[in-house]
Amino acid sequence: MHAWDPARDQDDAFRIFEQVPMRLPGFDLIYDRRPDFSALLRAQGPDHQTILGRSTKDGSMLGFASLSWDERWVDGKSKARVSYIGDLRVVRSAEASRMWRSFYPLLLGCARDVWGIRHHLTAILADNRAALRGLAADTTALGFKYHHLRTDQMVNILARRPLARRVRGARDVESTPIAEARAAGLVTFMARAEEKKLFGADLAGNEWERRLRTWPDLAQATVLSLRDQRGEIRAACVPWSSGGLKKLRVRRVRRWLRTTLFLPRLLGFPFPPEGGALETAYLTHLSFAPNAGPEERASAVATFVDAAKRIPWVRQSSLVSFADTQGLHLLAPLQPYLKQVTGVNLYAVTSADEAPPATFAGREISFEMALA
């Protein structure tokens, strides 16, 4: 195993991203991290490390994985050092398979003993069958284990359905420059929502300012919010694109998907050509008042989607995406939209002889899909 050296390793990593795409039912998806592999890791957390393996025969890269970590809320009262494990790519070869068997226990041991990381979170798309077979199956004999915490939905809004009637929703959305978000109470609102989640970000501390520095163009973004008649904040989000950190390129689009997308394309949905980038506008930092019910939340999201669509750069995007933890996309306020829904399985990763705390199961998890 080797530590990451950008000058030596970056081009090899870009090559492996091309060789090991994410195979989804309708197409293959390639993570393009040019020109700076580590930019996404810096956005994910203040500390990060990439570990890789090379062939003993010819020195070629066989695979790699990255960890980004920071202090996060665990139980709403205390914080611990939590990592997100991503970028797991391994080429198909007998030597790579042998390396893989010894890799994970070493990675987890190093994270615990050297970096003081107590918990690990990772995600696998529910449609990524190869990853589910290799990681979410019984891997006890390999020295590590994936514990399923919950499955959230990544809802991708393509377009409004033709002739669909608008559902009466929340009050008019407020648009606040992000530089004024803290003074307007919006950061405090989002921070309180995060504290209640498993692995919630400490937005009340230095994390908000760190994100403004490391998320490209976030400092020029706008916070969308909704208030009740008393002026209390009920919901908020920040439309943002991670295109400055990664590009999701589409390859090998299946024939049935091309047929399915015929109507959305007529309605203006800009699905990229073969090899093109899937431009996505994410509703990041999506937060709700604790007592907001599903119908109110769905209405707020619909309002945010419509407001985001009025932003010029969002209109050029293929998708407007948000993380749905409560099945909001099934409710009336979001029925007027053509949408694609993908399950995202969230896991705690431990050594084979460890078990995650029972209180982890079923809880809402802080997870920005834009950075996965």
Protein backbone atom coordinates (compact mmCIF):
# COMPACT_ATOMS: atom_id res chain seq x y z
CA MET A 1 0.00 0.00 0.00
CA HIS A 2 1.20 3.52 -0.81
CA ALA A 3 0.26 7.05 0.22
CA TRP A 4 -0.99 9.37 -2.50
CA ASP A 5 1.50 11.40 -4.52
CA PRO A 6 -0.36 13.68 -6.98
CA ALA A 7 2.55 14.10 -9.35
CA ARG A 8 3.03 10.35 -9.59
CA ASP A 9 -0.46 8.93 -9.15
CA GLN A 10 -3.09 11.32 -10.49
CA ASP A 11 -2.99 10.29 -14.17
CA ASP A 12 -3.15 6.61 -13.21
CA ALA A 13 -6.22 7.29 -11.06
CA PHE A 14 -7.93 9.12 -13.93
CA ARG A 15 -7.24 6.08 -16.13
CA ILE A 16 -8.81 3.70 -13.59
CA PHE A 17 -11.93 5.87 -13.34
CA GLU A 18 -12.30 5.29 -17.09
CA GLN A 19 -11.64 1.54 -16.78
CA VAL A 20 -13.98 0.95 -13.82
CA PRO A 21 -17.16 2.95 -14.49
CA MET A 22 -20.26 2.75 -12.33
CA ARG A 23 -22.57 0.41 -14.24
CA LEU A 24 -26.17 1.55 -13.86
CA PRO A 25 -29.22 -0.01 -15.52
CA GLY A 26 -29.54 2.69 -18.22
CA PHE A 27 -25.92 3.70 -18.79
CA ASP A 28 -22.37 3.65 -17.45
CA LEU A 29 -21.29 6.63 -15.36
CA ILE A 30 -17.68 7.79 -15.26
CA TYR A 31 -16.40 10.04 -12.48
CA ASP A 32 -14.13 12.56 -14.16
CA ARG A 33 -12.02 14.31 -11.52
CA ARG A 34 -9.73 16.24 -13.84
CA PRO A 35 -7.79 18.42 -13.36
CA ASP A 36 -7.40 18.00 -9.57
CA PHE A 37 -8.23 14.62 -8.03
CA SER A 38 -7.99 15.93 -4.46
CA ALA A 39 -10.28 18.95 -4.88
CA LEU A 40 -13.38 16.87 -4.06
CA LEU A 41 -11.68 15.42 -0.98
CA ARG A 42 -10.86 18.91 0.28
CA ALA A 43 -14.53 19.83 -0.13
CA GLN A 44 -15.66 16.73 1.78
CA GLY A 45 -13.65 17.49 4.90
CA PRO A 46 -10.69 19.36 6.37
CA ASP A 47 -8.56 16.18 6.41
CA HIS A 48 -8.24 13.49 3.78
CA GLN A 49 -6.00 10.67 2.64
CA THR A 50 -5.88 8.43 -0.42
CA ILE A 51 -4.35 4.96 -0.22
CA LEU A 52 -3.43 2.99 -3.32
CA GLY A 53 -1.95 -0.33 -4.35
CA ARG A 54 0.51 -1.02 -7.15
CA SER A 55 1.51 -4.22 -8.90
CA THR A 56 4.66 -5.93 -7.67
CA LYS A 57 5.25 -7.04 -11.25
CA ASP A 58 5.19 -3.85 -13.29
CA GLY A 59 4.32 -1.06 -10.82
CA SER A 60 0.94 -0.33 -12.43
CA MET A 61 -1.83 0.99 -10.17
CA LEU A 62 -4.27 -1.74 -9.15
CA GLY A 63 -6.73 0.33 -7.14
CA PHE A 64 -7.27 3.06 -4.59
CA ALA A 65 -9.66 4.44 -1.99
CA SER A 66 -9.99 7.79 -0.23
CA LEU A 67 -11.05 8.93 3.21
CA SER A 68 -12.17 12.43 4.15
CA TRP A 69 -12.89 13.17 7.78
CA ASP A 70 -13.83 15.75 10.35
CA GLU A 71 -15.59 16.10 13.70
CA ARG A 72 -19.32 15.38 13.35
CA TRP A 73 -22.35 15.02 15.57
CA VAL A 74 -23.03 11.43 16.59
CA ASP A 75 -25.90 11.54 19.08
CA GLY A 76 -26.97 15.19 19.06
CA LYS A 77 -24.90 15.85 22.17
CA SER A 78 -21.34 14.80 21.39
CA LYS A 79 -19.05 14.72 18.37
CA ALA A 80 -16.54 12.20 17.09
CA ARG A 81 -14.12 11.95 14.21
CA VAL A 82 -16.07 10.48 11.27
CA SER A 83 -14.80 9.62 7.80
CA TYR A 84 -16.49 9.18 4.46
CA ILE A 85 -14.96 6.35 2.42
CA GLY A 86 -15.14 6.97 -1.31
CA ASP A 87 -13.25 6.59 -4.60
CA LEU A 88 -13.06 2.82 -4.14
CA ARG A 89 -11.84 1.52 -7.49
CA VAL A 90 -10.06 -1.78 -8.17
CA VAL A 91 -9.06 -3.09 -11.60
CA ARG A 92 -10.03 -6.61 -12.63
CA SER A 93 -7.01 -8.87 -12.17
CA ALA A 94 -5.94 -11.75 -9.93
CA GLU A 95 -3.25 -9.59 -8.30
CA ALA A 96 -5.74 -6.78 -7.66
CA SER A 97 -8.13 -9.28 -6.09
CA ARG A 98 -5.42 -10.48 -3.69
CA MET A 99 -4.53 -6.90 -2.82
CA TRP A 100 -8.19 -6.12 -2.16
CA ARG A 101 -8.48 -8.91 0.43
CA SER A 102 -5.76 -7.39 2.59
CA PHE A 103 -6.51 -3.77 1.82
CA TYR A 104 -9.60 -2.99 3.89
CA PRO A 105 -8.41 -4.27 7.29
CA LEU A 106 -5.18 -2.28 6.84
CA LEU A 107 -7.11 0.85 5.90
CA LEU A 108 -9.45 0.61 8.89
CA GLY A 109 -6.59 -0.10 11.28
CA CYS A 110 -4.61 2.87 9.99
CA ALA A 111 -7.66 5.14 10.25
CA ARG A 112 -8.19 4.11 13.88
CA ASP A 113 -4.59 4.09 15.11
CA VAL A 114 -3.02 6.90 13.08
CA TRP A 115 -5.84 9.35 12.35
CA GLY A 116 -8.09 8.66 15.36
CA ILE A 117 -11.21 8.02 13.26
CA ARG A 118 -14.02 6.39 15.24
CA HIS A 119 -16.71 5.91 12.59
CA HIS A 120 -16.82 5.38 8.83
CA LEU A 121 -19.71 6.16 6.49
CA THR A 122 -19.95 5.12 2.86
CA ALA A 123 -22.60 4.92 0.14
CA ILE A 124 -23.45 2.56 -2.71
CA LEU A 125 -26.10 3.23 -5.31
CA ALA A 126 -28.82 0.59 -5.08
CA ASP A 127 -28.43 0.00 -8.84
CA ASN A 128 -24.68 -0.65 -8.57
CA ARG A 129 -25.00 -4.42 -8.39
CA ALA A 130 -21.29 -5.15 -8.76
CA ALA A 131 -20.40 -3.01 -5.75
CA LEU A 132 -23.21 -4.51 -3.70
CA ARG A 133 -22.00 -8.03 -4.46
CA GLY A 134 -18.42 -7.23 -3.59
CA LEU A 135 -18.92 -5.02 -0.53
CA ALA A 136 -22.34 -5.40 1.04
CA ALA A 137 -22.27 -9.20 1.07
CA ASP A 138 -20.75 -11.17 3.96
CA THR A 139 -17.12 -9.99 4.00
CA THR A 140 -16.36 -11.12 7.55
CA ALA A 141 -13.65 -13.47 6.31
CA LEU A 142 -11.91 -10.51 4.69
CA GLY A 143 -11.71 -8.63 7.99
CA PHE A 144 -14.30 -5.90 7.45
CA LYS A 145 -18.07 -5.50 7.30
CA TYR A 146 -20.64 -3.13 5.81
CA HIS A 147 -23.61 -2.46 8.11
CA HIS A 148 -26.67 -1.13 6.28
CA LEU A 149 -27.97 1.97 8.06
CA ARG A 150 -30.74 3.07 5.73
CA THR A 151 -31.61 3.68 2.08
CA ASP A 152 -32.34 7.23 0.99
CA GLN A 153 -33.55 8.31 -2.42
CA MET A 154 -31.72 10.59 -4.81
CA VAL A 155 -34.57 12.28 -6.69
CA ASN A 156 -33.61 13.77 -10.05
CA ILE A 157 -36.14 16.22 -11.47
CA LEU A 158 -36.06 16.15 -15.28
CA ALA A 159 -38.88 18.50 -16.25
CA ARG A 160 -42.42 19.52 -15.42
CA ARG A 161 -45.04 17.21 -16.90
CA PRO A 162 -46.92 18.67 -19.88
CA LEU A 163 -50.22 20.28 -18.89
CA ALA A 164 -49.58 19.43 -15.21
CA ARG A 165 -51.42 21.72 -12.84
CA ARG A 166 -49.34 23.47 -10.26
CA VAL A 167 -50.03 22.25 -6.74
CA ARG A 168 -50.72 25.08 -4.30
CA GLY A 169 -47.70 25.01 -2.04
CA ALA A 170 -45.80 27.03 0.50
CA ARG A 171 -45.53 30.80 0.60
CA ASP A 172 -43.20 32.67 -1.75
CA VAL A 173 -39.59 31.66 -1.47
CA GLU A 174 -36.99 34.10 -0.14
CA SER A 175 -33.65 34.39 -1.91
CA THR A 176 -30.72 35.46 0.27
CA PRO A 177 -27.09 35.96 -0.86
CA ILE A 178 -25.04 33.36 0.93
CA ALA A 179 -22.77 36.04 2.39
CA GLU A 180 -25.79 37.21 4.39
CA ALA A 181 -26.98 33.74 5.43
CA ARG A 182 -25.51 33.79 8.91
CA ALA A 183 -26.89 37.23 9.76
CA ALA A 184 -30.33 36.14 8.49
CA GLY A 185 -30.39 33.18 10.88
CA LEU A 186 -30.23 30.66 8.06
CA VAL A 187 -26.93 29.08 9.11
CA THR A 188 -28.22 28.62 12.65
CA PHE A 189 -31.39 27.00 11.25
CA MET A 190 -29.38 24.55 9.13
CA ALA A 191 -26.91 23.89 11.95
CA ARG A 192 -29.71 22.89 14.34
CA ALA A 193 -31.11 20.51 11.75
CA GLU A 194 -27.66 18.95 11.32
CA GLU A 195 -27.18 18.41 15.05
CA LYS A 196 -30.18 16.08 15.11
CA LYS A 197 -28.80 13.84 12.35
CA LEU A 198 -26.37 10.98 12.57
CA PHE A 199 -22.95 12.33 11.51
CA GLY A 200 -24.34 15.86 11.27
CA ALA A 201 -21.97 18.62 10.17
CA ASP A 202 -20.97 21.23 12.75
CA LEU A 203 -22.20 24.21 10.74
CA ALA A 204 -22.35 26.35 13.89
CA GLY A 205 -18.57 26.01 14.18
CA ASN A 206 -15.98 26.52 11.44
CA GLU A 207 -17.52 24.12 8.92
CA TRP A 208 -19.71 26.71 7.20
CA GLU A 209 -16.78 29.01 6.44
CA ARG A 210 -14.65 26.02 5.38
CA ARG A 211 -17.29 25.04 2.83
CA LEU A 212 -17.40 28.57 1.47
CA ARG A 213 -13.66 28.27 0.81
CA THR A 214 -13.53 24.74 -0.63
CA TRP A 215 -16.82 24.33 -2.54
CA PRO A 216 -16.28 26.11 -5.89
CA ASP A 217 -18.67 29.03 -6.42
CA LEU A 218 -20.55 28.35 -3.17
CA ALA A 219 -19.56 31.80 -1.89
CA GLN A 220 -21.50 33.29 -4.84
CA ALA A 221 -24.56 31.08 -4.32
CA THR A 222 -27.99 31.92 -2.96
CA VAL A 223 -29.90 30.46 -0.03
CA LEU A 224 -33.56 29.71 -0.73
CA SER A 225 -35.85 29.70 2.31
CA LEU A 226 -39.49 29.66 3.36
CA ARG A 227 -40.95 31.31 6.45
CA ASP A 228 -44.30 31.07 8.17
CA GLN A 229 -46.60 34.01 8.97
CA ARG A 230 -44.64 34.72 12.16
CA GLY A 231 -41.38 34.98 10.22
CA GLU A 232 -40.02 31.64 11.50
CA ILE A 233 -37.90 29.67 9.02
CA ARG A 234 -39.60 26.45 7.91
CA ALA A 235 -37.23 25.19 5.21
CA ALA A 236 -34.01 26.18 3.47
CA CYS A 237 -31.58 24.95 0.81
CA VAL A 238 -28.66 26.09 -1.35
CA PRO A 239 -28.76 25.24 -5.09
CA TRP A 240 -25.21 24.35 -6.09
CA SER A 241 -23.31 22.34 -8.68
CA SER A 242 -20.32 20.11 -7.93
CA GLY A 243 -19.16 20.43 -11.53
CA GLY A 244 -16.08 22.33 -10.40
CA LEU A 245 -14.98 19.24 -8.44
CA LYS A 246 -16.13 16.33 -10.58
CA LYS A 247 -17.90 15.67 -13.85
CA LEU A 248 -20.28 12.74 -14.30
CA ARG A 249 -19.80 11.56 -17.87
CA VAL A 250 -22.31 9.29 -19.54
CA ARG A 251 -21.18 6.30 -21.58
CA ARG A 252 -22.89 3.31 -23.23
CA VAL A 253 -26.44 4.59 -22.98
CA ARG A 254 -28.83 1.62 -23.35
CA ARG A 255 -31.34 1.67 -26.19
CA TRP A 256 -34.35 1.44 -23.86
CA LEU A 257 -33.20 4.56 -22.00
CA ARG A 258 -32.88 6.54 -25.23
CA THR A 259 -36.50 5.64 -25.97
CA THR A 260 -37.63 6.53 -22.44
CA LEU A 261 -35.99 9.95 -22.68
CA PHE A 262 -37.76 10.88 -25.91
CA LEU A 263 -40.57 12.83 -24.18
CA PRO A 264 -38.35 14.59 -21.60
CA ARG A 265 -36.07 15.75 -24.41
CA LEU A 266 -39.03 17.23 -26.26
CA LEU A 267 -39.81 19.14 -23.04
CA GLY A 268 -36.31 20.58 -22.90
CA PHE A 269 -34.50 18.02 -20.72
CA PRO A 270 -30.84 18.32 -21.87
CA PHE A 271 -29.61 14.72 -21.53
CA PRO A 272 -25.96 14.72 -22.63
CA PRO A 273 -24.69 12.91 -25.73
CA GLU A 274 -22.45 9.87 -25.45
CA GLY A 275 -19.36 10.91 -23.46
CA GLY A 276 -20.96 14.18 -22.35
CA ALA A 277 -21.26 15.46 -18.80
CA LEU A 278 -24.48 15.09 -16.84
CA GLU A 279 -24.87 18.60 -15.44
CA THR A 280 -26.71 18.53 -12.11
CA ALA A 281 -27.98 21.27 -9.83
CA TYR A 282 -28.20 19.91 -6.29
CA LEU A 283 -30.42 21.30 -3.55
CA THR A 284 -27.68 21.13 -0.93
CA HIS A 285 -28.03 21.92 2.78
CA LEU A 286 -31.71 20.95 2.49
CA SER A 287 -33.15 21.53 5.97
CA PHE A 288 -36.61 21.59 7.52
CA ALA A 289 -38.17 22.74 10.77
CA PRO A 290 -38.30 19.77 13.20
CA ASN A 291 -42.11 19.76 13.29
CA ALA A 292 -42.59 20.03 9.52
CA GLY A 293 -44.65 17.11 8.25
CA PRO A 294 -44.06 15.23 4.97
CA GLU A 295 -46.65 17.25 3.02
CA GLU A 296 -45.12 20.56 4.10
CA ARG A 297 -41.64 19.29 3.26
CA ALA A 298 -42.72 18.07 -0.18
CA SER A 299 -44.39 21.41 -0.85
CA ALA A 300 -41.21 23.24 0.19
CA VAL A 301 -39.06 21.10 -2.13
CA ALA A 302 -41.42 21.75 -5.06
CA THR A 303 -41.20 25.47 -4.33
CA PHE A 304 -37.39 25.26 -4.21
CA VAL A 305 -37.26 23.35 -7.51
CA ASP A 306 -39.34 26.00 -9.25
CA ALA A 307 -37.28 28.81 -7.70
CA ALA A 308 -34.02 27.12 -8.66
CA LYS A 309 -35.23 26.71 -12.24
CA ARG A 310 -35.37 30.50 -12.47
CA ILE A 311 -31.59 30.71 -11.85
CA PRO A 312 -29.83 30.90 -15.26
CA TRP A 313 -27.15 28.29 -14.58
CA VAL A 314 -29.72 25.84 -13.19
CA ARG A 315 -31.80 26.13 -16.38
CA GLN A 316 -28.78 24.81 -18.28
CA SER A 317 -28.51 21.73 -16.03
CA SER A 318 -29.82 18.31 -16.96
CA LEU A 319 -31.22 17.62 -13.50
CA VAL A 320 -32.29 19.28 -10.27
CA SER A 321 -31.53 16.74 -7.56
CA PHE A 322 -32.29 16.42 -3.87
CA ALA A 323 -31.91 13.82 -1.13
CA ASP A 324 -35.27 12.37 -0.12
CA THR A 325 -35.29 10.65 3.27
CA GLN A 326 -39.08 10.40 3.67
CA GLY A 327 -40.51 9.46 0.28
CA LEU A 328 -41.46 13.06 -0.46
CA HIS A 329 -41.30 12.48 -4.22
CA LEU A 330 -44.42 10.29 -3.95
CA LEU A 331 -46.57 13.07 -2.49
CA ALA A 332 -48.89 15.42 -4.40
CA PRO A 333 -46.67 18.54 -4.48
CA LEU A 334 -43.99 16.67 -6.47
CA GLN A 335 -46.33 14.77 -8.80
CA PRO A 336 -46.27 17.44 -11.57
CA TYR A 337 -42.62 16.59 -12.36
CA LEU A 338 -40.96 13.98 -14.54
CA LYS A 339 -38.33 12.45 -12.31
CA GLN A 340 -35.86 9.63 -11.98
CA VAL A 341 -35.31 8.11 -8.54
CA THR A 342 -32.20 6.20 -7.45
CA GLY A 343 -31.80 4.47 -4.11
CA VAL A 344 -28.63 5.29 -2.18
CA ASN A 345 -27.66 2.71 0.43
CA LEU A 346 -25.77 4.20 3.38
CA TYR A 347 -23.47 1.98 5.40
CA ALA A 348 -21.32 2.09 8.50
CA VAL A 349 -18.03 0.30 7.84
CA THR A 350 -16.27 -1.53 10.66
CA SER A 351 -13.72 -4.23 11.25
CA ALA A 352 -15.25 -7.72 11.11
CA ASP A 353 -15.39 -8.05 14.90
CA GLU A 354 -17.07 -4.66 15.47
CA ALA A 355 -20.72 -3.68 15.36
CA PRO A 356 -22.09 -0.14 14.95
CA PRO A 357 -24.11 1.18 17.88
CA ALA A 358 -27.74 0.07 17.75
CA THR A 359 -28.83 3.72 17.87
CA PHE A 360 -27.39 4.24 14.37
CA ALA A 361 -30.00 2.11 12.61
CA GLY A 362 -32.84 3.94 10.88
CA ARG A 363 -31.72 7.45 11.79
CA GLU A 364 -31.63 10.31 9.31
CA ILE A 365 -28.04 10.64 8.18
CA SER A 366 -26.21 13.79 7.16
CA PHE A 367 -25.11 13.05 3.62
CA GLU A 368 -24.56 15.58 0.82
CA MET A 369 -25.09 13.60 -2.35
CA ALA A 370 -23.41 16.38 -4.33
CA LEU A 371 -20.08 15.39 -2.76
CA ALA A 372 -20.36 11.58 -3.02
